[in-house]
Amino acid sequence: VINPNTNTVTDTINVGGAPDGIAFDGTNLYVANYSDDNVSVIDPNTNTVTDTITVGDVPRGVAFDGTNVYVANYLDGTVSIIDPNTNTVTDTITVGGGPDGIAFDGTNVYVANLDDNNVSVIDPNTNTVTNTITVGDEPLAVAFIGASIYIANSRDNTVSVIDPNTNTVIDTIAVGSRPGDIAFDGNNIYITNTSSDNVSVIEPNNNTV
């Protein structure tokens, strides 16, 4: 736990094995522990784990859609849906192979399927997959930025840009080697390239590095 005013570590919280994805629902933090097949629920007021929820096999990405928490389970090709009011799994959705990154765009949930080179689009009103979008090789991270969905394709060193109105790829951007994560600072998009040990900076108005 880091205090951003001082950039110092103020607390350390023990969760499950190999914590990976994390999301905040406005009340609690949800942490996917991929070697334990569960999710730790953290109360940020006390920095304690208040619940542990069993999900699918090797949970990775976590997203909150305003109502439910969505957890991408990498090894069993599913997404677990958690009701944060009860901290129980209320539904499980089959998506593509190797789901990893996951994000909500205000309407739908987008899941990057690393093994199938595509993205599943989930309608959170029905918890069904309504579309599957082919992207680059080994899509990993997902982010909703501005009016588009950005997908880091870790094997072919590109970022796919999806228009959520049509669910089509409208641009492909060459970045560094093995892009692994995406962040947006309000102006630019930053892509971490794990094999080339650098960061690509994308200007989202023209999708150029």
Protein backbone atom coordinates (compact mmCIF):
# COMPACT_ATOMS: atom_id res chain seq x y z
CA VAL A 1 0.00 0.00 0.00
CA ILE A 2 1.61 3.26 -1.18
CA ASN A 3 0.74 6.76 0.00
CA PRO A 4 0.84 8.82 -3.22
CA ASN A 5 1.48 12.06 -1.33
CA THR A 6 4.78 10.77 0.02
CA ASN A 7 5.41 7.81 -2.34
CA THR A 8 6.18 5.61 0.64
CA VAL A 9 4.93 2.12 1.47
CA THR A 10 2.54 2.48 4.39
CA ASP A 11 1.36 -1.13 4.71
CA THR A 12 1.82 -4.62 3.30
CA ILE A 13 -1.14 -7.01 3.03
CA ASN A 14 -0.77 -10.78 2.77
CA VAL A 15 -3.15 -12.25 0.18
CA GLY A 16 -3.17 -15.54 -1.73
CA GLY A 17 -0.50 -17.16 -3.88
CA ALA A 18 0.82 -15.26 -6.91
CA PRO A 19 -1.48 -12.21 -6.82
CA ASP A 20 -1.98 -10.75 -10.29
CA GLY A 21 -5.05 -8.72 -11.31
CA ILE A 22 -6.64 -6.16 -9.01
CA ALA A 23 -9.76 -3.99 -9.16
CA PHE A 24 -11.68 -1.60 -6.89
CA ASP A 25 -15.47 -1.62 -6.72
CA GLY A 26 -15.85 1.62 -4.78
CA THR A 27 -15.81 -0.19 -1.45
CA ASN A 28 -13.33 -3.08 -1.55
CA LEU A 29 -10.32 -4.24 -3.52
CA TYR A 30 -10.46 -7.58 -5.34
CA VAL A 31 -7.15 -9.39 -5.96
CA ALA A 32 -6.87 -12.46 -8.20
CA ASN A 33 -4.48 -15.06 -6.77
CA TYR A 34 -3.62 -17.21 -9.76
CA SER A 35 -1.82 -20.06 -8.01
CA ASP A 36 -4.60 -20.46 -5.41
CA ASP A 37 -7.61 -20.16 -7.77
CA ASN A 38 -9.23 -17.55 -5.57
CA VAL A 39 -9.80 -13.84 -5.03
CA SER A 40 -8.86 -11.92 -1.88
CA VAL A 41 -11.20 -9.13 -0.80
CA ILE A 42 -9.41 -6.23 0.92
CA ASP A 43 -11.10 -3.56 3.03
CA PRO A 44 -9.05 -0.41 2.25
CA ASN A 45 -10.17 1.23 5.50
CA THR A 46 -8.34 -1.39 7.55
CA ASN A 47 -6.02 -2.93 4.89
CA THR A 48 -7.16 -6.39 5.92
CA VAL A 49 -8.44 -9.34 3.89
CA THR A 50 -12.10 -9.72 4.81
CA ASP A 51 -13.06 -12.55 2.47
CA THR A 52 -11.62 -15.13 0.07
CA ILE A 53 -13.69 -16.25 -2.93
CA THR A 54 -13.01 -19.42 -4.92
CA VAL A 55 -13.16 -18.80 -8.68
CA GLY A 56 -11.92 -20.65 -11.78
CA ASP A 57 -8.54 -22.11 -12.68
CA VAL A 58 -5.66 -19.58 -12.64
CA PRO A 59 -7.50 -16.27 -12.25
CA ARG A 60 -5.66 -13.34 -13.84
CA GLY A 61 -7.47 -10.14 -14.87
CA VAL A 62 -10.12 -8.43 -12.74
CA ALA A 63 -12.62 -5.71 -13.71
CA PHE A 64 -15.61 -3.97 -12.10
CA ASP A 65 -18.54 -2.93 -14.29
CA GLY A 66 -20.36 -0.81 -11.73
CA THR A 67 -22.39 -3.76 -10.43
CA ASN A 68 -20.32 -6.94 -10.50
CA VAL A 69 -16.68 -8.00 -10.39
CA TYR A 70 -15.45 -9.99 -13.41
CA VAL A 71 -12.49 -12.38 -13.08
CA ALA A 72 -10.76 -13.94 -16.11
CA ASN A 73 -9.74 -17.55 -15.38
CA TYR A 74 -6.82 -18.33 -17.66
CA LEU A 75 -6.64 -22.14 -17.62
CA ASP A 76 -10.32 -23.03 -17.85
CA GLY A 77 -11.39 -20.42 -20.42
CA THR A 78 -14.03 -18.80 -18.26
CA VAL A 79 -14.96 -15.57 -16.52
CA SER A 80 -16.32 -15.73 -12.96
CA ILE A 81 -18.86 -13.09 -11.98
CA ILE A 82 -18.80 -12.00 -8.34
CA ASP A 83 -21.60 -10.13 -6.60
CA PRO A 84 -19.73 -7.69 -4.32
CA ASN A 85 -22.73 -7.43 -2.00
CA THR A 86 -22.41 -11.09 -1.05
CA ASN A 87 -18.89 -11.90 -2.32
CA THR A 88 -20.22 -15.00 -4.04
CA VAL A 89 -19.81 -16.22 -7.61
CA THR A 90 -23.21 -15.79 -9.25
CA ASP A 91 -22.36 -16.88 -12.78
CA THR A 92 -19.57 -18.36 -14.91
CA ILE A 93 -19.20 -17.46 -18.60
CA THR A 94 -17.28 -19.50 -21.15
CA VAL A 95 -15.05 -17.30 -23.30
CA GLY A 96 -12.02 -18.07 -25.49
CA GLY A 97 -8.86 -19.94 -24.64
CA GLY A 98 -6.52 -18.41 -22.09
CA PRO A 99 -8.48 -15.34 -20.96
CA ASP A 100 -6.18 -12.84 -19.29
CA GLY A 101 -6.74 -9.09 -19.53
CA ILE A 102 -10.23 -7.74 -18.95
CA ALA A 103 -11.81 -4.28 -19.04
CA PHE A 104 -15.21 -2.53 -18.97
CA ASP A 105 -16.00 0.29 -21.40
CA GLY A 106 -19.18 1.52 -19.77
CA THR A 107 -21.36 -0.85 -21.80
CA ASN A 108 -19.60 -4.18 -22.32
CA VAL A 109 -16.81 -6.25 -20.77
CA TYR A 110 -13.86 -7.08 -23.06
CA VAL A 111 -11.73 -10.17 -22.40
CA ALA A 112 -8.41 -10.86 -24.15
CA ASN A 113 -8.07 -14.57 -24.96
CA LEU A 114 -4.31 -15.19 -25.16
CA ASP A 115 -4.51 -18.68 -26.67
CA ASP A 116 -7.16 -17.92 -29.32
CA ASN A 117 -5.88 -14.53 -30.55
CA ASN A 118 -9.24 -12.91 -30.02
CA VAL A 119 -11.34 -10.82 -27.67
CA SER A 120 -14.68 -11.89 -26.20
CA VAL A 121 -17.32 -9.20 -25.73
CA ILE A 122 -19.63 -9.83 -22.77
CA ASP A 123 -22.97 -8.08 -22.29
CA PRO A 124 -23.17 -7.62 -18.49
CA ASN A 125 -26.96 -7.35 -18.63
CA THR A 126 -27.29 -10.94 -19.84
CA ASN A 127 -23.82 -12.31 -19.00
CA THR A 128 -23.50 -13.72 -22.49
CA VAL A 129 -20.76 -13.42 -25.10
CA THR A 130 -22.24 -11.27 -27.85
CA ASN A 131 -19.21 -10.95 -30.12
CA THR A 132 -15.73 -12.34 -30.74
CA ILE A 133 -13.12 -10.06 -32.31
CA THR A 134 -9.94 -11.36 -33.95
CA VAL A 135 -6.91 -9.30 -32.89
CA GLY A 136 -3.14 -9.86 -32.92
CA ASP A 137 -1.04 -12.78 -31.73
CA GLU A 138 -1.37 -13.57 -28.00
CA PRO A 139 -3.48 -10.65 -26.74
CA LEU A 140 -2.67 -9.96 -23.12
CA ALA A 141 -3.64 -6.59 -21.65
CA VAL A 142 -6.89 -4.67 -22.27
CA ALA A 143 -7.76 -1.05 -21.54
CA PHE A 144 -10.63 1.29 -22.38
CA ILE A 145 -9.20 4.68 -23.29
CA GLY A 146 -11.20 7.59 -24.63
CA ALA A 147 -13.57 6.01 -27.11
CA SER A 148 -11.61 2.87 -28.00
CA ILE A 149 -10.46 -0.46 -26.60
CA TYR A 150 -6.69 -1.05 -26.73
CA ILE A 151 -5.31 -4.61 -26.77
CA ALA A 152 -1.62 -5.40 -26.26
CA ASN A 153 -0.69 -8.36 -28.47
CA SER A 154 2.33 -9.87 -26.75
CA ARG A 155 3.55 -12.18 -29.51
CA ASP A 156 3.45 -9.93 -32.57
CA ASN A 157 4.51 -6.68 -30.85
CA THR A 158 1.43 -4.69 -31.73
CA VAL A 159 -1.55 -2.97 -30.14
CA SER A 160 -4.99 -3.53 -31.69
CA VAL A 161 -7.47 -0.66 -31.46
CA ILE A 162 -11.13 -1.69 -31.29
CA ASP A 163 -14.11 0.57 -31.92
CA PRO A 164 -16.67 -0.56 -29.31
CA ASN A 165 -19.54 0.79 -31.41
CA THR A 166 -18.85 -1.70 -34.18
CA ASN A 167 -16.61 -4.18 -32.34
CA THR A 168 -14.12 -4.09 -35.18
CA VAL A 169 -10.36 -3.49 -35.21
CA ILE A 170 -9.86 0.01 -36.65
CA ASP A 171 -6.10 0.31 -36.23
CA THR A 172 -2.97 -1.71 -35.43
CA ILE A 173 0.03 0.01 -33.84
CA ALA A 174 3.58 -1.39 -33.84
CA VAL A 175 5.21 -1.14 -30.40
CA GLY A 176 8.20 -2.74 -28.66
CA SER A 177 8.96 -6.40 -28.06
CA ARG A 178 6.43 -8.39 -26.01
CA PRO A 179 3.98 -5.68 -24.94
CA GLY A 180 2.57 -6.69 -21.58
CA ASP A 181 0.55 -3.94 -19.97
CA ILE A 182 -1.30 -0.70 -20.77
CA ALA A 183 -1.86 2.50 -18.80
CA PHE A 184 -3.35 5.91 -19.64
CA ASP A 185 -2.40 9.18 -17.92
CA GLY A 186 -5.11 11.37 -19.42
CA ASN A 187 -2.96 12.37 -22.38
CA ASN A 188 -0.91 9.44 -23.60
CA ILE A 189 -1.06 5.65 -23.54
CA TYR A 190 1.94 3.80 -22.11
CA ILE A 191 2.77 0.22 -23.15
CA THR A 192 5.35 -1.80 -21.24
CA ASN A 193 7.48 -3.94 -23.56
CA THR A 194 8.81 -6.79 -21.44
CA SER A 195 11.45 -8.14 -23.84
CA SER A 196 12.86 -4.86 -25.13
CA ASP A 197 12.97 -3.30 -21.64
CA ASN A 198 11.26 -0.10 -22.72
CA VAL A 199 7.93 1.68 -22.84
CA SER A 200 6.09 2.76 -25.99
CA VAL A 201 4.14 6.03 -25.70
CA ILE A 202 1.06 6.22 -27.94
CA GLU A 203 -0.75 9.44 -28.82
CA PRO A 204 -4.42 8.33 -28.79
CA ASN A 205 -5.70 11.04 -31.14
CA ASN A 206 -3.76 9.63 -34.07
CA ASN A 207 -2.66 6.25 -32.65
CA THR A 208 1.03 6.82 -33.31
CA VAL A 209 4.03 5.99 -31.14
